[in-house]
């Protein structure tokens, strides 16, 4: 085969060449850069929004690296088919275990075998809900391999064989895993040191403390008859901190009772009351 299934983004890029590349050829890597590796039928969908704003700048600055692996290149036949009809009948098509296994095996070449250092994740509606704690866990690794599903899903046997971690973006269904993969990468990359430039922003935002974030205000001081709360203009930092904490607790209790109960239980308080445990 003459086409390469992998494309790197960021400081290293793939340039057109008359010389064909071998399918299983080694790929250049940025030493020490956190790497998001995406196995997908739509490699041209990347970097997408990840190539813009702070994540895009961080990509250009080699604070992280993005690599796509084209699943289609591992398909069979003239059209490089990657799917087939579901066993037992039913609508749609299912990604074949043998085809996906080839792509995963290729993607894992030269990567750490320890999943704590290099997770292998399948974006799936039935997976564990993605949250800030998971993003923090992923950001502390050397990199991650994300498998984007299509059609009706992925043959269960390849999930079992590789011990793939299934992760869900929420209780809804997308046409494929690419959008979910970009959201997961964005949430993870922004936690990498120097990407945001202000570590306090990460520490103070929603979910970092188990609470939703407090309201924000800026100029003008009066807009459409609405004023900035006086406490925020007082210059009294301790009182401002207390107000922000109280507002974060209020919003969490009103909008996310599940987070509120977990927060109170974590801090030794009755999840459904006000007394200490």
Protein backbone atom coordinates (compact mmCIF):
# COMPACT_ATOMS: atom_id res chain seq x y z
CA UNK A 1 0.00 0.00 0.00
CA UNK A 2 1.20 3.50 -0.76
CA UNK A 3 -0.88 5.74 1.50
CA UNK A 4 -0.10 6.54 5.09
CA UNK A 5 -2.87 6.15 7.70
CA UNK A 6 -1.40 8.75 10.00
CA UNK A 7 -1.20 12.50 9.78
CA UNK A 8 0.48 14.71 12.35
CA UNK A 9 -0.63 18.26 13.15
CA UNK A 10 1.20 21.09 14.82
CA UNK A 11 4.88 21.91 14.48
CA UNK A 12 5.42 18.74 12.47
CA UNK A 13 3.27 18.45 9.35
CA UNK A 14 2.80 16.13 6.40
CA UNK A 15 3.88 17.68 3.09
CA UNK A 16 2.93 16.46 -0.41
CA UNK A 17 5.54 14.21 -1.95
CA UNK A 18 5.87 12.14 -5.11
CA UNK A 19 7.44 9.39 -3.07
CA UNK A 20 4.84 7.01 -1.65
CA UNK A 21 4.85 6.31 2.09
CA UNK A 22 4.53 2.80 3.44
CA UNK A 23 1.37 2.08 5.40
CA UNK A 24 3.21 0.96 8.52
CA UNK A 25 6.10 3.43 8.36
CA UNK A 26 7.28 5.11 11.56
CA UNK A 27 5.97 8.58 12.27
CA UNK A 28 7.97 11.53 13.62
CA UNK A 29 7.05 12.49 17.19
CA UNK A 30 7.63 15.56 19.32
CA UNK A 31 9.58 14.37 22.33
CA UNK A 32 7.81 15.11 25.58
CA UNK A 33 4.68 16.63 24.01
CA UNK A 34 1.33 15.29 25.20
CA UNK A 35 -0.19 13.54 22.19
CA UNK A 36 -3.79 13.05 21.17
CA UNK A 37 -3.97 10.18 18.69
CA UNK A 38 -7.32 9.76 16.94
CA UNK A 39 -8.41 6.69 14.96
CA UNK A 40 -11.14 7.91 12.64
CA UNK A 41 -12.82 7.50 9.28
CA UNK A 42 -12.75 11.30 8.96
CA UNK A 43 -9.11 12.36 9.48
CA UNK A 44 -9.73 15.62 7.62
CA UNK A 45 -12.12 16.65 10.42
CA UNK A 46 -9.04 17.32 12.55
CA UNK A 47 -7.72 19.53 13.99
CA UNK A 48 -10.98 21.40 13.37
CA UNK A 49 -11.73 23.82 16.18
CA UNK A 50 -8.70 22.47 18.04
CA UNK A 51 -6.53 24.34 15.56
CA UNK A 52 -7.88 27.69 16.74
CA UNK A 53 -7.62 29.92 19.80
CA UNK A 54 -5.53 28.74 22.76
CA UNK A 55 -5.49 25.07 21.81
CA UNK A 56 -4.37 25.98 18.30
CA UNK A 57 -1.61 28.22 19.60
CA UNK A 58 -0.50 25.50 21.99
CA UNK A 59 -0.48 23.07 19.07
CA UNK A 60 1.74 25.42 17.06
CA UNK A 61 3.97 25.90 20.10
CA UNK A 62 4.38 22.12 20.46
CA UNK A 63 2.83 22.03 23.94
CA UNK A 64 0.79 19.12 22.60
CA UNK A 65 0.60 17.10 19.42
CA UNK A 66 -2.29 15.74 17.36
CA UNK A 67 -2.08 12.65 15.19
CA UNK A 68 -4.84 11.12 13.09
CA UNK A 69 -4.94 7.49 12.02
CA UNK A 70 -7.18 6.85 9.01
CA UNK A 71 -9.22 3.74 9.77
CA UNK A 72 -10.17 3.38 6.10
CA UNK A 73 -6.56 2.54 5.20
CA UNK A 74 -6.91 -0.73 7.08
CA UNK A 75 -10.11 -1.74 5.27
CA UNK A 76 -10.45 -4.67 2.90
CA UNK A 77 -11.23 -4.92 -0.80
CA UNK A 78 -11.37 -2.37 -3.56
CA UNK A 79 -13.33 0.06 -1.39
CA UNK A 80 -11.43 -0.70 1.81
CA UNK A 81 -14.55 -1.71 3.68
CA UNK A 82 -14.35 -1.41 7.46
CA UNK A 83 -17.85 -2.55 8.45
CA UNK A 84 -20.39 -5.31 7.93
CA UNK A 85 -23.97 -6.21 8.83
CA UNK A 86 -24.71 -6.92 12.51
CA UNK A 87 -24.75 -10.55 13.62
CA UNK A 88 -28.29 -11.55 14.50
CA UNK A 89 -29.76 -9.02 12.10
CA UNK A 90 -30.86 -5.46 12.58
CA UNK A 91 -30.42 -2.06 11.01
CA UNK A 92 -27.15 -0.37 10.19
CA UNK A 93 -23.59 -1.60 10.02
CA UNK A 94 -20.96 -2.48 12.63
CA UNK A 95 -17.23 -1.71 12.57
CA UNK A 96 -15.33 -4.98 12.15
CA UNK A 97 -13.15 -6.20 15.01
CA UNK A 98 -10.32 -7.36 12.74
CA UNK A 99 -10.14 -4.06 10.86
CA UNK A 100 -10.21 -1.91 13.97
CA UNK A 101 -7.67 -4.20 15.65
CA UNK A 102 -5.19 -3.54 12.83
CA UNK A 103 -5.57 0.21 13.29
CA UNK A 104 -5.17 -0.03 17.07
CA UNK A 105 -2.10 -2.25 16.77
CA UNK A 106 -0.55 0.22 14.37
CA UNK A 107 -1.44 3.20 16.56
CA UNK A 108 0.06 1.58 19.66
CA UNK A 109 3.46 0.96 18.11
CA UNK A 110 6.03 2.74 20.24
CA UNK A 111 3.46 3.84 22.81
CA UNK A 112 3.56 2.96 26.53
CA UNK A 113 1.79 -0.31 27.31
CA UNK A 114 0.73 1.04 30.70
CA UNK A 115 -2.81 2.37 30.23
CA UNK A 116 -2.28 4.72 33.15
CA UNK A 117 0.32 6.46 30.99
CA UNK A 118 -1.45 6.04 27.63
CA UNK A 119 -5.23 5.38 27.81
CA UNK A 120 -7.08 3.72 24.94
CA UNK A 121 -10.58 5.20 24.73
CA UNK A 122 -13.64 4.49 22.61
CA UNK A 123 -16.16 7.36 22.41
CA UNK A 124 -19.43 5.58 23.13
CA UNK A 125 -22.90 6.62 24.42
CA UNK A 126 -22.80 3.71 26.86
CA UNK A 127 -19.44 4.70 28.34
CA UNK A 128 -18.62 6.31 31.66
CA UNK A 129 -19.63 10.00 31.62
CA UNK A 130 -16.74 12.32 30.80
CA UNK A 131 -16.07 14.87 33.55
CA UNK A 132 -13.42 17.28 34.78
CA UNK A 133 -11.75 14.63 36.94
CA UNK A 134 -11.35 12.42 33.89
CA UNK A 135 -9.90 15.31 31.89
CA UNK A 136 -7.38 15.91 34.68
CA UNK A 137 -6.47 12.21 34.68
CA UNK A 138 -5.93 12.22 30.91
CA UNK A 139 -3.87 15.45 31.02
CA UNK A 140 -1.43 13.80 33.44
CA UNK A 141 -0.60 11.02 30.96
CA UNK A 142 1.89 10.98 28.09
CA UNK A 143 -0.94 10.89 25.58
CA UNK A 144 -4.15 9.16 24.61
CA UNK A 145 -5.55 7.10 21.73
CA UNK A 146 -9.17 7.88 20.89
CA UNK A 147 -11.27 5.59 18.73
CA UNK A 148 -14.14 7.35 16.94
CA UNK A 149 -17.09 5.09 16.25
CA UNK A 150 -19.39 5.26 13.24
CA UNK A 151 -22.51 3.46 12.07
CA UNK A 152 -24.15 1.28 14.76
CA UNK A 153 -20.97 0.89 16.77
CA UNK A 154 -17.97 -1.36 17.25
CA UNK A 155 -17.71 -5.14 17.44
CA UNK A 156 -17.71 -5.96 21.18
CA UNK A 157 -14.86 -8.44 20.81
CA UNK A 158 -12.26 -5.79 19.98
CA UNK A 159 -13.35 -3.78 23.04
CA UNK A 160 -12.86 -6.86 25.23
CA UNK A 161 -9.59 -7.90 23.56
CA UNK A 162 -7.83 -4.56 24.01
CA UNK A 163 -9.56 -3.65 27.28
CA UNK A 164 -10.75 -0.39 25.74
CA UNK A 165 -12.12 2.25 28.10
CA UNK A 166 -15.52 3.52 26.95
CA UNK A 167 -16.29 7.19 27.56
CA UNK A 168 -19.51 9.09 26.90
CA UNK A 169 -19.95 12.81 26.39
CA UNK A 170 -23.55 12.65 27.60
CA UNK A 171 -26.92 10.97 27.30
CA UNK A 172 -27.40 11.60 23.60
CA UNK A 173 -26.28 10.02 20.32
CA UNK A 174 -24.04 11.60 17.68
CA UNK A 175 -23.46 10.36 14.13
CA UNK A 176 -19.87 9.62 15.03
CA UNK A 177 -17.21 10.07 17.68
CA UNK A 178 -15.26 12.89 16.06
CA UNK A 179 -17.10 15.78 17.72
CA UNK A 180 -16.92 14.01 21.07
CA UNK A 181 -13.20 13.37 20.55
CA UNK A 182 -12.55 17.06 19.88
CA UNK A 183 -14.47 18.05 23.01
CA UNK A 184 -12.53 15.55 25.12
CA UNK A 185 -9.21 16.73 23.67
CA UNK A 186 -10.07 20.39 24.24
CA UNK A 187 -11.06 19.79 27.87
CA UNK A 188 -7.85 17.83 28.43
CA UNK A 189 -5.35 19.99 26.56
CA UNK A 190 -6.36 23.16 28.40
CA UNK A 191 -5.20 21.50 31.64
CA UNK A 192 -1.67 20.99 30.31
CA UNK A 193 0.73 23.47 31.95
CA UNK A 194 1.34 26.69 29.96
CA UNK A 195 -1.59 26.12 27.56
CA UNK A 196 -3.87 28.67 29.27
CA UNK A 197 -1.04 30.76 30.66
CA UNK A 198 -2.88 31.32 33.96
CA UNK A 199 -3.10 28.25 36.16
CA UNK A 200 -5.49 30.05 38.50
CA UNK A 201 -8.08 30.04 35.72
CA UNK A 202 -8.04 26.24 35.76
CA UNK A 203 -8.18 26.02 39.54
CA UNK A 204 -11.13 28.39 39.92
CA UNK A 205 -13.43 27.25 37.10
CA UNK A 206 -16.51 25.03 37.22
CA UNK A 207 -16.11 21.46 38.50
CA UNK A 208 -12.51 21.96 39.71
CA UNK A 209 -13.77 22.19 43.31
CA UNK A 210 -16.87 20.11 42.80
CA UNK A 211 -19.05 23.20 42.36
CA UNK A 212 -20.30 25.18 39.40
CA UNK A 213 -18.45 28.42 38.86
CA UNK A 214 -19.65 31.69 40.39
CA UNK A 215 -21.07 34.47 38.14
CA UNK A 216 -18.68 36.83 36.34
CA UNK A 217 -18.99 40.55 35.65
CA UNK A 218 -16.97 43.24 33.87
CA UNK A 219 -17.38 46.77 32.49
CA UNK A 220 -19.64 48.68 32.15
CA UNK A 221 -20.64 48.91 35.80
CA UNK A 222 -24.24 49.65 34.79
CA UNK A 223 -25.82 47.90 31.80
CA UNK A 224 -29.51 47.81 30.86
CA UNK A 225 -30.38 48.85 34.39
CA UNK A 226 -28.35 46.03 35.90
CA UNK A 227 -25.42 46.81 38.19
CA UNK A 228 -22.35 44.83 39.13
CA UNK A 229 -22.80 43.57 42.72
CA UNK A 230 -21.31 46.14 45.11
CA UNK A 231 -19.17 43.52 46.86
CA UNK A 232 -17.14 42.97 43.66
CA UNK A 233 -16.25 46.66 43.53
CA UNK A 234 -15.37 46.91 47.24
CA UNK A 235 -11.74 45.85 46.96
CA UNK A 236 -12.24 43.61 50.00
CA UNK A 237 -10.74 40.37 48.69
CA UNK A 238 -11.77 38.17 51.60
CA UNK A 239 -15.40 39.24 51.30
CA UNK A 240 -15.27 38.83 47.53
CA UNK A 241 -13.97 35.26 47.97
CA UNK A 242 -16.79 34.52 50.43
CA UNK A 243 -19.38 35.93 48.00
CA UNK A 244 -18.04 33.88 45.11
CA UNK A 245 -18.06 30.73 47.23
CA UNK A 246 -21.64 31.37 48.34
CA UNK A 247 -22.75 32.02 44.76
CA UNK A 248 -21.03 28.85 43.52
CA UNK A 249 -22.82 26.86 46.19
CA UNK A 250 -26.17 28.49 45.40
CA UNK A 251 -25.91 27.81 41.66
CA UNK A 252 -24.78 24.24 42.20
CA UNK A 253 -27.63 23.52 44.62
CA UNK A 254 -30.19 25.03 42.22
CA UNK A 255 -28.93 23.63 38.92
CA UNK A 256 -27.02 20.45 39.74
CA UNK A 257 -28.44 18.70 42.83
CA UNK A 258 -26.30 15.67 42.00
CA UNK A 259 -23.09 17.71 42.25
CA UNK A 260 -24.38 19.46 45.36
CA UNK A 261 -25.03 16.18 47.18
CA UNK A 262 -21.59 14.86 46.21
CA UNK A 263 -19.93 18.11 47.32
CA UNK A 264 -21.62 18.09 50.72
CA UNK A 265 -20.85 14.42 51.29
CA UNK A 266 -17.20 15.03 50.39
CA UNK A 267 -16.99 17.83 52.94
CA UNK A 268 -18.61 15.83 55.74
CA UNK A 269 -22.06 17.35 55.51
CA UNK A 270 -25.48 15.74 55.23
CA UNK A 271 -26.12 15.62 51.45
CA UNK A 272 -29.80 16.41 51.97
CA UNK A 273 -29.57 18.78 54.93
CA UNK A 274 -27.43 21.40 56.60
CA UNK A 275 -25.94 19.56 59.54
CA UNK A 276 -22.40 18.21 59.74
CA UNK A 277 -21.86 14.45 59.48
